[in-house]
Amino acid sequence: MISEIANKKSVILLQNAFPTLEKYIDHPHTINGAPVRVADNLKDEILENFNSLLALKKQGINLFFADIDKTKEKILEEIK
């Protein structure tokens, strides 16, 4: 996806998505010390496209670079 984030054209690579836990997020992305917020309409579009990729994966068409199933399995084991 190509969209505008913080008044700058940005590329969002959904195929690079992977599951994680909040504790592994070191810090938010900031500009001049202020956290960058993704607009709600863009967030909705990202989630819609991501869910489409998950649906394709269930049909055997895997477009993700990371092994999201293995990562998800490890996360579920960790939170038990």
C-alpha atoms as a PDB file:
ATOM      1  CA  MET A   1       0.000   0.000   0.000  1.00  0.00           C
ATOM      2  CA  ILE A   2       1.127   3.538  -0.686  1.00  0.00           C
ATOM      3  CA  SER A   3      -0.417   6.162   1.545  1.00  0.00           C
ATOM      4  CA  GLU A   4       0.351   9.333   3.420  1.00  0.00           C
ATOM      5  CA  ILE A   5       1.543   9.077   7.018  1.00  0.00           C
ATOM      6  CA  ALA A   6       2.637  12.187   8.916  1.00  0.00           C
ATOM      7  CA  ASN A   7       2.302  14.263   5.718  1.00  0.00           C
ATOM      8  CA  LYS A   8       4.733  12.027   3.850  1.00  0.00           C
ATOM      9  CA  LYS A   9       4.148   9.403   1.150  1.00  0.00           C
ATOM     10  CA  SER A  10       4.812   6.046   2.784  1.00  0.00           C
ATOM     11  CA  VAL A  11       4.810   2.417   1.754  1.00  0.00           C
ATOM     12  CA  ILE A  12       3.070  -0.108   3.984  1.00  0.00           C
ATOM     13  CA  LEU A  13       4.334  -3.636   3.332  1.00  0.00           C
ATOM     14  CA  LEU A  14       1.632  -5.954   4.619  1.00  0.00           C
ATOM     15  CA  GLN A  15       3.565  -9.014   3.452  1.00  0.00           C
ATOM     16  CA  ASN A  16       6.130  -8.124   6.145  1.00  0.00           C
ATOM     17  CA  ALA A  17       3.505  -8.281   8.908  1.00  0.00           C
ATOM     18  CA  PHE A  18       4.015 -10.665  11.805  1.00  0.00           C
ATOM     19  CA  PRO A  19       2.353 -11.261  15.171  1.00  0.00           C
ATOM     20  CA  THR A  20       3.995  -9.889  18.293  1.00  0.00           C
ATOM     21  CA  LEU A  21       3.295  -9.018  21.900  1.00  0.00           C
ATOM     22  CA  GLU A  22       3.203  -5.462  23.219  1.00  0.00           C
ATOM     23  CA  LYS A  23       6.144  -6.172  25.532  1.00  0.00           C
ATOM     24  CA  TYR A  24       8.405  -6.563  22.482  1.00  0.00           C
ATOM     25  CA  ILE A  25       7.566  -3.111  21.150  1.00  0.00           C
ATOM     26  CA  ASP A  26      10.416  -0.939  22.333  1.00  0.00           C
ATOM     27  CA  HIS A  27       8.948   2.477  21.521  1.00  0.00           C
ATOM     28  CA  PRO A  28       6.491   4.202  19.194  1.00  0.00           C
ATOM     29  CA  HIS A  29       7.685   5.776  15.962  1.00  0.00           C
ATOM     30  CA  THR A  30       8.107   9.500  16.603  1.00  0.00           C
ATOM     31  CA  ILE A  31       8.758  12.686  14.665  1.00  0.00           C
ATOM     32  CA  ASN A  32      10.294  15.526  16.674  1.00  0.00           C
ATOM     33  CA  GLY A  33       9.509  13.613  19.854  1.00  0.00           C
ATOM     34  CA  ALA A  34       5.792  13.240  19.096  1.00  0.00           C
ATOM     35  CA  PRO A  35       4.334   9.775  18.426  1.00  0.00           C
ATOM     36  CA  VAL A  36       3.133   9.287  14.850  1.00  0.00           C
ATOM     37  CA  ARG A  37      -0.521   8.334  14.707  1.00  0.00           C
ATOM     38  CA  VAL A  38      -2.042   6.501  11.764  1.00  0.00           C
ATOM     39  CA  ALA A  39      -5.378   8.013  10.708  1.00  0.00           C
ATOM     40  CA  ASP A  40      -8.397   5.842  11.527  1.00  0.00           C
ATOM     41  CA  ASN A  41      -9.415   5.501   7.866  1.00  0.00           C
ATOM     42  CA  LEU A  42      -5.917   4.297   6.946  1.00  0.00           C
ATOM     43  CA  LYS A  43      -5.889   1.921   9.933  1.00  0.00           C
ATOM     44  CA  ASP A  44      -9.199   0.486   8.722  1.00  0.00           C
ATOM     45  CA  GLU A  45      -7.827   0.057   5.180  1.00  0.00           C
ATOM     46  CA  ILE A  46      -4.690  -1.662   6.507  1.00  0.00           C
ATOM     47  CA  LEU A  47      -6.756  -4.062   8.628  1.00  0.00           C
ATOM     48  CA  GLU A  48      -9.109  -4.803   5.734  1.00  0.00           C
ATOM     49  CA  ASN A  49      -6.190  -5.614   3.416  1.00  0.00           C
ATOM     50  CA  PHE A  50      -4.435  -7.612   6.138  1.00  0.00           C
ATOM     51  CA  ASN A  51      -7.571  -9.679   6.731  1.00  0.00           C
ATOM     52  CA  SER A  52      -7.758 -10.322   2.979  1.00  0.00           C
ATOM     53  CA  LEU A  53      -4.172 -11.622   3.089  1.00  0.00           C
ATOM     54  CA  LEU A  54      -5.084 -13.889   6.016  1.00  0.00           C
ATOM     55  CA  ALA A  55      -8.075 -15.227   4.052  1.00  0.00           C
ATOM     56  CA  LEU A  56      -5.816 -15.968   1.078  1.00  0.00           C
ATOM     57  CA  LYS A  57      -3.388 -17.737   3.413  1.00  0.00           C
ATOM     58  CA  LYS A  58      -6.209 -19.972   4.668  1.00  0.00           C
ATOM     59  CA  GLN A  59      -6.860 -20.876   1.020  1.00  0.00           C
ATOM     60  CA  GLY A  60      -3.221 -21.892   0.583  1.00  0.00           C
ATOM     61  CA  ILE A  61      -1.952 -18.661  -0.973  1.00  0.00           C
ATOM     62  CA  ASN A  62       0.692 -17.381   1.437  1.00  0.00           C
ATOM     63  CA  LEU A  63       1.910 -13.869   0.628  1.00  0.00           C
ATOM     64  CA  PHE A  64       3.614 -13.263   4.000  1.00  0.00           C
ATOM     65  CA  PHE A  65       7.412 -13.276   4.162  1.00  0.00           C
ATOM     66  CA  ALA A  66       7.536 -14.291   7.840  1.00  0.00           C
ATOM     67  CA  ASP A  67       6.286 -17.636   9.126  1.00  0.00           C
ATOM     68  CA  ILE A  68       3.358 -16.056  10.959  1.00  0.00           C
ATOM     69  CA  ASP A  69       1.915 -19.415  12.007  1.00  0.00           C
ATOM     70  CA  LYS A  70       5.110 -20.416  13.801  1.00  0.00           C
ATOM     71  CA  THR A  71       5.428 -16.988  15.433  1.00  0.00           C
ATOM     72  CA  LYS A  72       1.788 -17.073  16.543  1.00  0.00           C
ATOM     73  CA  GLU A  73       2.303 -20.552  18.007  1.00  0.00           C
ATOM     74  CA  LYS A  74       5.305 -19.352  20.029  1.00  0.00           C
ATOM     75  CA  ILE A  75       3.367 -16.340  21.284  1.00  0.00           C
ATOM     76  CA  LEU A  76       0.429 -18.512  22.374  1.00  0.00           C
ATOM     77  CA  GLU A  77       2.838 -20.809  24.244  1.00  0.00           C
ATOM     78  CA  GLU A  78       4.458 -17.792  25.919  1.00  0.00           C
ATOM     79  CA  ILE A  79       1.203 -16.288  27.174  1.00  0.00           C
ATOM     80  CA  LYS A  80      -0.027 -19.565  28.702  1.00  0.00           C
END
